[in-house]
Amino acid sequence: MKVTTPQGSNQAATPQSSGGAGMPGTAPGSEQPERLAKTLKARWVWAIALGSAVGWGAFILPTDWLAVGGPVGAISGFMIGGALMVLIAVSYGFLIKSFPVSGGELAFALVGFGRTHAYFCGWYLTLGYTCIVALNASAMALLFRKLMPDLVQQGYLYTVAGWDVYIVEVVISMTVLVVFALLNIRGTALSGRIQFIACVIMLIAVACILVGVLISPQTVLSNATPAFPAGVNPVAAIAAIVAIAPWAFIGFDNVPQAAEEFDFPPAKAMRLIVLALLAAAVLYCAMIASVAFSAPWEALANGDSAWGSADALTGVMGGIGMLLLSIGITMGVSTGLNGFYVSASRILLGMGRAQMVPAIFARLHPKYKTPHYGVLFVAAVCLISPWFGRAALTWVVDMSAVGVTVAYLYTCLCAFKLFRTTNSKRGQSELGDVNSTSKKVLSLLGAITALTFMALLLIPGSPGALGKESMIALVVWTLLGVIFFLVRRKHNKTLSDEQVDMLVLGAPRPKGTELRQRSRS
């Protein structure tokens, strides 16, 4: 069997011929699924991670975070959360270098724990990424609602969970979803270039906001007092913010989804992820500080404004503040939409290759060579969401943080299994130098961090516990996943574990990563 190894990788080779005949999406004359072109430059990948990690939340939710943690609690929580994400990023960097294929965590869970685990990891991630696409589209409509309320709040339809739904707002969200779906179908190089430009503009806008607030004669530093909410223990206030870190920093994990498309050595992925996490943490903190200094934060937090951040910044900067905030959120929403379209479609591509979902998702566009069926599926699901109102949508998105945390856990545990202690006597690994006690410890700490995040989200009474509606949504999605898995169980048995490895990884799994009891279910 002739094998071509991608640059910078010790594994994830792309065979020219192997098992899996009859797979949709196969290249002419090959029995392997057609692989994606290597078109993504390093700066574009950094922008995908940063733009996805920031999104709309940094510009709309600072008052919510101030209400939970206060200025010091919110800023400390985001810095700690970013640092904890770096622990998890160590495992991502190693596994991306070893397995640079579409699907990311799906492939990692497959290598570490087998097909059943990979399926559920992909199932939760698909929901998580798709929901974030939908919520970003609704954030764009919210921006228009703030800027042009008389125009947007036309054509009242109904009220869902206290949120009035207007036809104009629905049309705005749907238009944004269609535009970014078409952009992603047209090609990764185009979307990557736009992503980078948007991220640069967003960073400039945030820097201008922070400087403008600090130099404004109307700014009173005492606005940022007290440091924590009244009657709230400082540790609890910080912990409540740390609990949302998996949600706030979701996006750096988009990097492994696009690893198959890197035009640079995958070993660089670790550095790009860390730089994106640092930039995201600084950006979040800059926006929180800007809002806290602009107006008495307790009044903002206790007010009933739909967009307290905008009210605070326009109070000290006037129309320029609103303009900069509008630019920032437009870029943030655009980068979030783009990045999560990329990730959701690549997860579906990987699951389609493994035939965990209908194999049509493994097909690439005949002209643009993109996973267009995955993009279209995500768009179709998201086009339903504007009709339910933003308040109801947040229930589903809140619980999607659990799904992303599941992916973090699988990634860190897989890395922990593959790393060896420095003085290990085991033979040479096909993955290269895996003898590193420090990296093995870091991957274990990453797994513990993921479990801690999970506990904060799921244990009743914890600072970051999900609400009743979000828990119900999580249970429903889990049950749907189990039902779909059982329905396809018979079909899955027609493929051997070795065939699934070849279809997802593009090569046999490395020696030493075999599972003791490989399942065919």
Protein backbone atom coordinates (compact mmCIF):
# COMPACT_ATOMS: atom_id res chain seq x y z
CA MET A 1 0.00 0.00 0.00
CA LYS A 2 1.47 3.32 -1.06
CA VAL A 3 1.26 5.96 1.65
CA THR A 4 1.88 9.70 1.53
CA THR A 5 2.52 11.40 4.85
CA PRO A 6 1.40 15.04 5.31
CA GLN A 7 4.08 17.55 6.15
CA GLY A 8 4.89 17.80 9.83
CA SER A 9 3.01 14.64 10.77
CA ASN A 10 4.24 11.31 12.04
CA GLN A 11 0.88 9.74 11.36
CA ALA A 12 -2.46 10.36 9.69
CA ALA A 13 -0.98 9.32 6.37
CA THR A 14 -3.24 9.45 3.35
CA PRO A 15 -3.35 6.12 1.53
CA GLN A 16 -3.84 6.11 -2.19
CA SER A 17 -5.86 2.91 -1.97
CA SER A 18 -7.41 0.98 0.89
CA GLY A 19 -10.63 -0.52 2.18
CA GLY A 20 -14.03 1.14 2.19
CA ALA A 21 -15.18 0.59 -1.38
CA GLY A 22 -18.35 2.29 -2.45
CA MET A 23 -18.04 5.19 -0.02
CA PRO A 24 -19.70 8.38 -1.18
CA GLY A 25 -17.18 11.17 -1.48
CA THR A 26 -14.39 8.96 -2.77
CA ALA A 27 -11.87 10.40 -5.15
CA PRO A 28 -11.80 8.99 -8.70
CA GLY A 29 -9.84 5.77 -8.78
CA SER A 30 -9.56 5.63 -4.98
CA GLU A 31 -11.48 3.76 -2.30
CA GLN A 32 -10.65 6.33 0.36
CA PRO A 33 -12.85 9.38 1.05
CA GLU A 34 -11.62 12.40 -0.85
CA ARG A 35 -9.43 14.54 1.39
CA LEU A 36 -9.64 18.31 1.76
CA ALA A 37 -7.13 20.60 0.05
CA LYS A 38 -4.39 22.20 2.15
CA THR A 39 -5.31 25.87 1.79
CA LEU A 40 -5.31 27.30 5.33
CA LYS A 41 -2.41 29.56 6.29
CA ALA A 42 -1.22 29.78 9.90
CA ARG A 43 -2.57 33.30 10.50
CA TRP A 44 -5.97 32.24 9.18
CA VAL A 45 -6.07 29.30 11.59
CA TRP A 46 -5.15 31.62 14.48
CA ALA A 47 -7.99 33.89 13.40
CA ILE A 48 -10.43 30.96 13.27
CA ALA A 49 -9.53 30.09 16.87
CA LEU A 50 -9.63 33.67 18.17
CA GLY A 51 -12.72 34.78 16.25
CA SER A 52 -14.66 31.72 17.33
CA ALA A 53 -13.57 32.03 20.96
CA VAL A 54 -14.68 35.66 21.22
CA GLY A 55 -17.85 35.85 19.13
CA TRP A 56 -20.73 38.06 20.27
CA GLY A 57 -20.50 37.49 24.01
CA ALA A 58 -17.62 39.88 24.66
CA PHE A 59 -19.71 42.80 23.42
CA ILE A 60 -23.18 41.94 24.71
CA LEU A 61 -22.65 40.11 28.02
CA PRO A 62 -20.16 42.16 30.12
CA THR A 63 -23.00 43.49 32.31
CA ASP A 64 -24.20 39.91 32.91
CA TRP A 65 -20.69 38.87 33.98
CA LEU A 66 -20.37 41.93 36.22
CA ALA A 67 -23.62 40.96 37.92
CA VAL A 68 -22.21 37.50 38.66
CA GLY A 69 -18.62 38.29 39.62
CA GLY A 70 -18.17 42.04 39.87
CA PRO A 71 -15.26 43.76 38.06
CA VAL A 72 -12.44 41.96 39.87
CA GLY A 73 -14.28 38.65 39.97
CA ALA A 74 -15.14 38.74 36.27
CA ILE A 75 -11.66 39.74 35.11
CA SER A 76 -9.96 37.25 37.45
CA GLY A 77 -12.34 34.50 36.35
CA PHE A 78 -11.59 35.04 32.68
CA MET A 79 -7.83 35.11 33.23
CA ILE A 80 -7.98 31.91 35.29
CA GLY A 81 -10.30 30.33 32.74
CA GLY A 82 -7.91 31.21 29.93
CA ALA A 83 -4.99 29.71 31.84
CA LEU A 84 -6.95 26.49 32.42
CA MET A 85 -7.76 26.33 28.73
CA VAL A 86 -4.02 26.47 28.00
CA LEU A 87 -3.64 23.30 30.09
CA ILE A 88 -6.16 21.61 27.82
CA ALA A 89 -4.46 23.09 24.74
CA VAL A 90 -1.31 21.06 25.47
CA SER A 91 -3.22 17.88 24.65
CA TYR A 92 -4.76 19.45 21.56
CA GLY A 93 -1.38 20.50 20.23
CA PHE A 94 0.07 17.00 20.54
CA LEU A 95 -2.93 15.24 18.99
CA ILE A 96 -3.29 17.71 16.12
CA LYS A 97 0.35 17.09 15.25
CA SER A 98 -0.20 13.33 15.39
CA PHE A 99 -3.62 13.17 13.70
CA PRO A 100 -4.15 16.19 11.38
CA VAL A 101 -7.50 15.08 9.96
CA SER A 102 -10.97 16.57 9.76
CA GLY A 103 -13.10 15.78 12.76
CA GLY A 104 -10.61 16.71 15.47
CA GLU A 105 -11.94 15.38 18.76
CA LEU A 106 -13.91 12.72 16.90
CA ALA A 107 -10.61 11.25 15.68
CA PHE A 108 -8.99 11.64 19.09
CA ALA A 109 -11.83 9.82 20.85
CA LEU A 110 -11.66 7.09 18.19
CA VAL A 111 -7.94 6.57 18.76
CA GLY A 112 -8.19 6.60 22.52
CA PHE A 113 -11.46 4.86 23.24
CA GLY A 114 -13.07 3.42 20.10
CA ARG A 115 -16.03 3.98 17.85
CA THR A 116 -18.85 4.29 20.37
CA HIS A 117 -17.05 6.99 22.32
CA ALA A 118 -16.16 8.77 19.08
CA TYR A 119 -19.80 8.78 18.02
CA PHE A 120 -21.07 10.42 21.20
CA CYS A 121 -18.20 12.90 21.24
CA GLY A 122 -19.16 13.91 17.69
CA TRP A 123 -22.86 13.94 18.58
CA TYR A 124 -22.41 16.46 21.39
CA LEU A 125 -20.00 18.60 19.40
CA THR A 126 -22.34 18.79 16.42
CA LEU A 127 -25.10 20.18 18.62
CA GLY A 128 -22.75 22.55 20.43
CA TYR A 129 -21.26 24.05 17.29
CA THR A 130 -24.60 24.28 15.48
CA CYS A 131 -26.25 26.07 18.39
CA ILE A 132 -23.46 28.62 18.53
CA VAL A 133 -23.92 29.34 14.82
CA ALA A 134 -27.60 30.01 15.50
CA LEU A 135 -26.94 32.21 18.51
CA ASN A 136 -24.36 34.29 16.63
CA ALA A 137 -26.95 34.92 13.92
CA SER A 138 -29.43 36.07 16.55
CA ALA A 139 -26.77 38.38 17.99
CA MET A 140 -26.52 40.15 14.64
CA ALA A 141 -30.28 40.71 14.74
CA LEU A 142 -29.92 42.03 18.30
CA LEU A 143 -27.38 44.58 17.05
CA PHE A 144 -29.84 45.85 14.46
CA ARG A 145 -32.56 45.88 17.11
CA LYS A 146 -30.41 48.24 19.18
CA LEU A 147 -29.32 50.46 16.28
CA MET A 148 -32.66 50.64 14.43
CA PRO A 149 -35.38 49.61 16.90
CA ASP A 150 -38.23 51.22 14.96
CA LEU A 151 -37.30 49.30 11.82
CA VAL A 152 -36.44 45.93 13.36
CA GLN A 153 -39.34 45.78 15.80
CA GLN A 154 -41.89 45.57 13.02
CA GLY A 155 -44.21 42.68 12.26
CA TYR A 156 -44.74 41.34 15.77
CA LEU A 157 -45.37 37.58 15.66
CA TYR A 158 -45.50 36.23 19.22
CA THR A 159 -43.62 36.06 22.53
CA VAL A 160 -41.46 33.09 23.57
CA ALA A 161 -40.04 32.94 27.12
CA GLY A 162 -40.58 36.67 27.50
CA TRP A 163 -38.86 37.54 24.20
CA ASP A 164 -40.93 39.31 21.53
CA VAL A 165 -40.31 37.81 18.09
CA TYR A 166 -40.56 40.15 15.06
CA ILE A 167 -40.54 39.11 11.41
CA VAL A 168 -37.86 41.69 10.49
CA GLU A 169 -35.55 40.29 13.17
CA VAL A 170 -36.16 36.76 11.90
CA VAL A 171 -35.32 37.80 8.34
CA ILE A 172 -32.05 39.44 9.46
CA SER A 173 -30.90 36.29 11.26
CA MET A 174 -31.86 34.04 8.36
CA THR A 175 -30.08 36.27 5.85
CA VAL A 176 -26.87 36.18 7.88
CA LEU A 177 -27.05 32.39 8.13
CA VAL A 178 -27.48 31.98 4.37
CA VAL A 179 -24.65 34.40 3.52
CA PHE A 180 -22.10 32.62 5.72
CA ALA A 181 -23.25 29.21 4.55
CA LEU A 182 -22.59 30.25 0.95
CA LEU A 183 -19.23 31.72 1.96
CA ASN A 184 -18.16 28.42 3.54
CA ILE A 185 -19.33 26.39 0.57
CA ARG A 186 -17.26 28.60 -1.73
CA GLY A 187 -14.03 27.53 -0.05
CA THR A 188 -11.92 27.54 3.08
CA ALA A 189 -9.27 29.85 1.63
CA LEU A 190 -11.84 32.60 1.06
CA SER A 191 -13.44 32.22 4.48
CA GLY A 192 -10.01 32.01 6.16
CA ARG A 193 -8.81 35.24 4.58
CA ILE A 194 -12.00 37.06 5.59
CA GLN A 195 -11.71 35.62 9.10
CA PHE A 196 -8.23 37.07 9.57
CA ILE A 197 -9.21 40.54 8.34
CA ALA A 198 -12.28 40.56 10.60
CA CYS A 199 -10.21 39.56 13.65
CA VAL A 200 -7.71 42.37 13.08
CA ILE A 201 -10.54 44.91 12.79
CA MET A 202 -12.16 43.53 15.95
CA LEU A 203 -8.94 43.82 17.98
CA ILE A 204 -8.43 47.40 16.81
CA ALA A 205 -12.02 48.30 17.75
CA VAL A 206 -11.63 46.86 21.28
CA ALA A 207 -8.32 48.65 21.79
CA CYS A 208 -9.94 51.94 20.75
CA ILE A 209 -12.86 51.33 23.13
CA LEU A 210 -10.57 50.70 26.11
CA VAL A 211 -8.35 53.70 25.38
CA GLY A 212 -11.37 55.91 24.71
CA VAL A 213 -12.95 55.00 28.04
CA LEU A 214 -9.75 55.49 30.03
CA ILE A 215 -9.01 58.94 28.58
CA SER A 216 -12.58 60.21 28.64
CA PRO A 217 -13.10 63.05 31.14
CA GLN A 218 -16.47 61.49 32.00
CA THR A 219 -14.89 58.25 33.19
CA VAL A 220 -14.90 57.77 36.96
CA LEU A 221 -12.75 54.93 38.24
CA SER A 222 -15.01 54.57 41.27
CA ASN A 223 -17.63 53.19 38.88
CA ALA A 224 -15.75 49.88 39.13
CA THR A 225 -16.40 49.57 42.87
CA PRO A 226 -17.18 47.42 44.77
CA ALA A 227 -14.84 44.76 43.42
CA PHE A 228 -17.36 41.94 43.98
CA PRO A 229 -21.17 41.79 44.20
CA ALA A 230 -22.52 42.67 47.62
CA GLY A 231 -23.01 39.65 49.86
CA VAL A 232 -21.18 37.27 47.52
CA ASN A 233 -18.05 35.45 48.63
CA PRO A 234 -15.13 36.50 46.36
CA VAL A 235 -14.10 32.88 45.75
CA ALA A 236 -17.65 31.96 44.74
CA ALA A 237 -17.84 35.01 42.47
CA ILE A 238 -14.63 34.05 40.65
CA ALA A 239 -15.66 30.37 40.48
CA ALA A 240 -18.97 31.31 38.85
CA ILE A 241 -17.06 33.06 36.04
CA VAL A 242 -14.51 30.25 35.71
CA ALA A 243 -17.45 27.86 35.27
CA ILE A 244 -18.41 29.51 31.99
CA ALA A 245 -14.87 29.31 30.59
CA PRO A 246 -15.68 26.26 28.43
CA TRP A 247 -18.42 28.33 26.80
CA ALA A 248 -16.52 31.62 26.67
CA PHE A 249 -13.42 30.08 25.09
CA ILE A 250 -15.20 27.63 22.79
CA GLY A 251 -13.52 28.19 19.46
CA PHE A 252 -9.88 27.36 20.04
CA ASP A 253 -11.01 23.76 19.60
CA ASN A 254 -12.02 24.66 16.04
CA VAL A 255 -8.34 24.33 15.10
CA PRO A 256 -8.27 20.49 15.03
CA GLN A 257 -11.41 20.45 12.88
CA ALA A 258 -9.49 22.21 10.12
CA ALA A 259 -6.18 20.37 10.64
CA GLU A 260 -6.53 18.44 7.39
CA GLU A 261 -6.47 21.77 5.54
CA PHE A 262 -3.29 23.25 7.08
CA ASP A 263 -0.73 24.40 4.52
CA PHE A 264 1.90 24.43 7.30
CA PRO A 265 3.32 21.76 9.65
CA PRO A 266 0.63 20.70 12.17
CA ALA A 267 3.24 20.98 14.93
CA LYS A 268 2.63 24.76 14.85
CA ALA A 269 -0.97 24.30 15.98
CA MET A 270 -0.11 24.37 19.70
CA ARG A 271 1.47 27.83 19.47
CA LEU A 272 -1.47 29.16 17.43
CA ILE A 273 -3.98 27.88 19.99
CA VAL A 274 -2.11 29.41 22.94
CA LEU A 275 -1.77 32.77 21.19
CA ALA A 276 -5.49 32.73 20.34
CA LEU A 277 -6.43 31.91 23.96
CA LEU A 278 -4.24 34.70 25.32
CA ALA A 279 -5.69 37.21 22.86
CA ALA A 280 -9.24 36.09 23.70
CA ALA A 281 -8.68 36.40 27.46
CA VAL A 282 -7.21 39.89 27.07
CA LEU A 283 -10.08 40.96 24.81
CA TYR A 284 -12.72 39.70 27.26
CA CYS A 285 -11.03 41.50 30.15
CA ALA A 286 -10.67 44.71 28.14
CA MET A 287 -14.39 44.80 27.40
CA ILE A 288 -15.35 44.04 31.01
CA ALA A 289 -13.03 46.79 32.28
CA SER A 290 -14.33 49.26 29.70
CA VAL A 291 -17.95 48.71 30.73
CA ALA A 292 -17.17 48.70 34.46
CA PHE A 293 -15.34 52.05 34.26
CA SER A 294 -17.97 53.65 32.02
CA ALA A 295 -20.86 53.64 34.50
CA PRO A 296 -21.65 52.39 38.01
CA TRP A 297 -21.62 48.67 37.31
CA GLU A 298 -24.15 47.71 39.99
CA ALA A 299 -26.76 49.95 38.39
CA LEU A 300 -25.99 48.44 34.99
CA ALA A 301 -26.21 44.91 36.32
CA ASN A 302 -29.51 45.53 38.06
CA GLY A 303 -31.05 47.47 35.16
CA ASP A 304 -33.47 46.13 32.60
CA SER A 305 -31.62 47.32 29.49
CA ALA A 306 -31.42 44.81 26.64
CA TRP A 307 -27.83 45.89 26.00
CA GLY A 308 -26.22 47.43 29.07
CA SER A 309 -22.75 47.47 27.50
CA ALA A 310 -23.94 49.79 24.75
CA ASP A 311 -25.66 52.11 27.23
CA ALA A 312 -22.49 52.36 29.33
CA LEU A 313 -20.08 53.02 26.47
CA THR A 314 -22.29 55.55 24.68
CA GLY A 315 -22.61 57.37 27.99
CA VAL A 316 -18.90 58.26 28.00
CA MET A 317 -18.00 58.08 24.30
CA GLY A 318 -21.24 59.06 22.61
CA GLY A 319 -21.80 57.99 19.03
CA ILE A 320 -18.15 56.98 18.58
CA GLY A 321 -18.57 54.41 21.35
CA MET A 322 -21.61 52.96 19.66
CA LEU A 323 -19.81 52.90 16.32
CA LEU A 324 -16.78 51.08 17.75
CA LEU A 325 -19.01 48.65 19.63
CA SER A 326 -21.03 47.99 16.49
CA ILE A 327 -17.85 47.31 14.51
CA GLY A 328 -16.56 45.01 17.23
CA ILE A 329 -19.74 42.97 17.52
CA THR A 330 -20.18 42.77 13.75
CA MET A 331 -16.66 41.37 13.40
CA GLY A 332 -17.12 39.12 16.44
CA VAL A 333 -20.39 37.68 15.18
CA SER A 334 -19.00 37.24 11.67
CA THR A 335 -15.91 35.40 12.88
CA GLY A 336 -18.00 33.24 15.20
CA LEU A 337 -20.44 32.32 12.44
CA ASN A 338 -17.64 31.53 10.04
CA GLY A 339 -15.53 29.55 12.50
CA PHE A 340 -18.35 27.36 13.77
CA TYR A 341 -19.68 26.68 10.29
CA VAL A 342 -16.19 25.33 9.56
CA SER A 343 -16.12 23.19 12.71
CA ALA A 344 -19.65 21.80 12.57
CA SER A 345 -19.31 20.81 8.91
CA ARG A 346 -15.93 19.11 9.56
CA ILE A 347 -17.31 17.12 12.48
CA LEU A 348 -20.12 15.92 10.21
CA LEU A 349 -17.54 15.17 7.51
CA GLY A 350 -15.60 12.95 9.90
CA MET A 351 -18.73 11.20 11.13
CA GLY A 352 -19.87 10.74 7.53
CA ARG A 353 -16.55 9.15 6.60
CA ALA A 354 -16.97 6.71 9.48
CA GLN A 355 -20.62 6.24 8.47
CA MET A 356 -21.73 7.12 11.99
CA VAL A 357 -24.16 9.42 10.20
CA PRO A 358 -25.38 9.05 6.58
CA ALA A 359 -22.32 8.80 4.33
CA ILE A 360 -23.58 11.67 2.16
CA PHE A 361 -21.86 13.99 4.66
CA ALA A 362 -18.51 12.64 3.43
CA ARG A 363 -19.05 14.03 -0.05
CA LEU A 364 -17.22 17.16 -1.15
CA HIS A 365 -18.55 19.85 -3.45
CA PRO A 366 -17.63 18.94 -7.04
CA LYS A 367 -16.21 22.42 -7.72
CA TYR A 368 -15.17 23.97 -4.40
CA LYS A 369 -14.12 20.73 -2.65
CA THR A 370 -15.80 21.68 0.62
CA PRO A 371 -18.07 19.54 2.84
CA HIS A 372 -21.13 21.33 1.51
CA TYR A 373 -23.69 18.85 2.79
CA GLY A 374 -22.48 19.50 6.35
CA VAL A 375 -22.69 23.25 5.79
CA LEU A 376 -26.18 22.95 4.31
CA PHE A 377 -27.34 20.75 7.19
CA VAL A 378 -26.10 23.23 9.79
CA ALA A 379 -27.73 26.09 7.90
CA ALA A 380 -31.04 24.22 7.60
CA VAL A 381 -31.17 23.51 11.34
CA CYS A 382 -30.17 27.06 12.26
CA LEU A 383 -32.73 28.63 9.92
CA ILE A 384 -35.41 27.23 12.23
CA SER A 385 -33.95 28.85 15.34
CA PRO A 386 -34.85 32.55 14.72
CA TRP A 387 -38.55 31.64 14.95
CA PHE A 388 -38.17 30.52 18.57
CA GLY A 389 -36.76 33.77 19.93
CA ARG A 390 -33.39 34.45 21.48
CA ALA A 391 -34.41 33.65 25.06
CA ALA A 392 -35.46 30.09 24.26
CA LEU A 393 -32.35 29.57 22.10
CA THR A 394 -30.06 30.43 25.02
CA TRP A 395 -31.41 27.41 26.93
CA VAL A 396 -30.05 25.06 24.30
CA VAL A 397 -26.79 26.97 23.90
CA ASP A 398 -26.15 26.94 27.65
CA MET A 399 -26.25 23.16 27.73
CA SER A 400 -24.04 22.91 24.66
CA ALA A 401 -21.13 23.91 26.91
CA VAL A 402 -21.42 20.40 28.36
CA GLY A 403 -20.91 18.89 24.93
CA VAL A 404 -17.77 20.91 24.31
CA THR A 405 -16.45 19.97 27.76
CA VAL A 406 -16.97 16.31 26.85
CA ALA A 407 -14.70 16.88 23.84
CA TYR A 408 -12.08 18.54 26.04
CA LEU A 409 -12.16 15.52 28.35
CA TYR A 410 -11.77 12.97 25.57
CA THR A 411 -8.87 14.92 24.07
CA CYS A 412 -6.96 15.18 27.35
CA LEU A 413 -7.56 11.53 28.28
CA CYS A 414 -6.44 10.37 24.84
CA ALA A 415 -3.24 12.43 25.14
CA PHE A 416 -2.70 11.05 28.65
CA LYS A 417 -2.92 7.50 27.30
CA LEU A 418 -0.46 8.20 24.48
CA PHE A 419 2.14 10.15 26.48
CA ARG A 420 4.69 8.11 28.44
CA THR A 421 6.85 8.97 31.39
CA THR A 422 10.31 10.27 30.52
CA ASN A 423 12.08 7.07 31.60
CA SER A 424 9.56 4.69 30.02
CA LYS A 425 11.16 1.45 28.79
CA ARG A 426 8.56 0.88 26.08
CA GLY A 427 9.78 0.78 22.49
CA GLN A 428 9.89 3.68 20.04
CA SER A 429 6.44 5.08 19.29
CA GLU A 430 5.27 5.72 15.73
CA LEU A 431 4.05 9.09 17.01
CA GLY A 432 7.60 10.25 17.63
CA ASP A 433 8.89 11.47 20.99
CA VAL A 434 6.05 10.79 23.43
CA ASN A 435 8.29 10.22 26.48
CA SER A 436 7.57 13.30 28.58
CA THR A 437 6.49 13.11 32.20
CA SER A 438 5.66 16.83 32.24
CA LYS A 439 3.34 16.56 29.22
CA LYS A 440 1.69 13.46 30.65
CA VAL A 441 1.04 15.36 33.88
CA LEU A 442 -0.28 18.37 31.95
CA SER A 443 -2.68 16.19 29.98
CA LEU A 444 -3.92 14.69 33.27
CA LEU A 445 -4.38 18.18 34.70
CA GLY A 446 -6.29 19.09 31.55
CA ALA A 447 -8.61 16.13 32.09
CA ILE A 448 -9.15 17.12 35.72
CA THR A 449 -9.90 20.67 34.58
CA ALA A 450 -12.48 19.38 32.09
CA LEU A 451 -14.10 17.25 34.82
CA THR A 452 -14.17 20.28 37.11
CA PHE A 453 -15.91 22.33 34.43
CA MET A 454 -18.38 19.48 33.96
CA ALA A 455 -19.12 19.38 37.68
CA LEU A 456 -19.65 23.15 37.83
CA LEU A 457 -22.18 22.87 35.01
CA LEU A 458 -24.06 19.77 36.16
CA ILE A 459 -24.03 19.68 39.97
CA PRO A 460 -27.14 21.46 41.33
CA GLY A 461 -26.27 24.43 43.48
CA SER A 462 -22.83 24.99 41.96
CA PRO A 463 -22.01 28.57 40.85
CA GLY A 464 -22.31 27.70 37.17
CA ALA A 465 -25.09 25.09 37.29
CA LEU A 466 -27.35 24.85 34.25
CA GLY A 467 -30.94 25.97 34.57
CA LYS A 468 -33.88 23.59 34.45
CA GLU A 469 -34.65 24.30 30.80
CA SER A 470 -31.02 23.70 29.77
CA MET A 471 -30.88 20.42 31.70
CA ILE A 472 -34.05 19.24 29.97
CA ALA A 473 -32.54 20.12 26.58
CA LEU A 474 -29.38 18.19 27.47
CA VAL A 475 -31.36 15.08 28.46
CA VAL A 476 -33.43 15.25 25.27
CA TRP A 477 -30.35 15.55 23.05
CA THR A 478 -28.66 12.65 24.86
CA LEU A 479 -31.70 10.42 24.39
CA LEU A 480 -31.88 11.34 20.70
CA GLY A 481 -28.22 10.39 20.36
CA VAL A 482 -28.81 7.01 21.98
CA ILE A 483 -31.82 6.32 19.73
CA PHE A 484 -29.94 7.31 16.57
CA PHE A 485 -26.98 5.17 17.64
CA LEU A 486 -29.21 2.12 18.15
CA VAL A 487 -30.96 2.68 14.82
CA ARG A 488 -27.61 2.64 12.97
CA ARG A 489 -26.10 -0.15 15.08
CA LYS A 490 -26.83 -2.82 12.47
CA HIS A 491 -25.26 -0.78 9.68
CA ASN A 492 -22.19 0.04 11.81
CA LYS A 493 -21.47 -3.67 12.20
CA THR A 494 -20.87 -3.92 8.45
CA LEU A 495 -17.62 -1.96 8.92
CA SER A 496 -14.66 -3.33 10.81
CA ASP A 497 -12.79 -1.20 13.32
CA GLU A 498 -9.82 -1.19 10.95
CA GLN A 499 -11.98 0.19 8.14
CA VAL A 500 -13.29 2.96 10.38
CA ASP A 501 -9.73 3.84 11.38
CA MET A 502 -8.74 4.09 7.72
CA LEU A 503 -11.75 6.20 6.80
CA VAL A 504 -11.34 8.71 9.64
CA LEU A 505 -7.57 8.79 10.13
CA GLY A 506 -6.59 8.11 6.53
CA ALA A 507 -4.18 5.39 7.70
CA PRO A 508 -4.00 2.45 10.10
CA ARG A 509 -3.76 3.55 13.69
CA PRO A 510 -0.18 3.70 15.02
CA LYS A 511 1.24 0.70 16.82
CA GLY A 512 0.74 0.97 20.54
CA THR A 513 -2.66 2.65 20.29
CA GLU A 514 -4.66 -0.54 19.75
CA LEU A 515 -7.62 -0.96 22.07
CA ARG A 516 -7.76 -4.08 24.17
CA GLN A 517 -11.36 -4.78 23.28
CA ARG A 518 -12.30 -3.11 20.02
CA SER A 519 -16.06 -2.78 19.52
CA ARG A 520 -17.85 -3.21 16.19
CA SER A 521 -20.97 -1.43 17.35
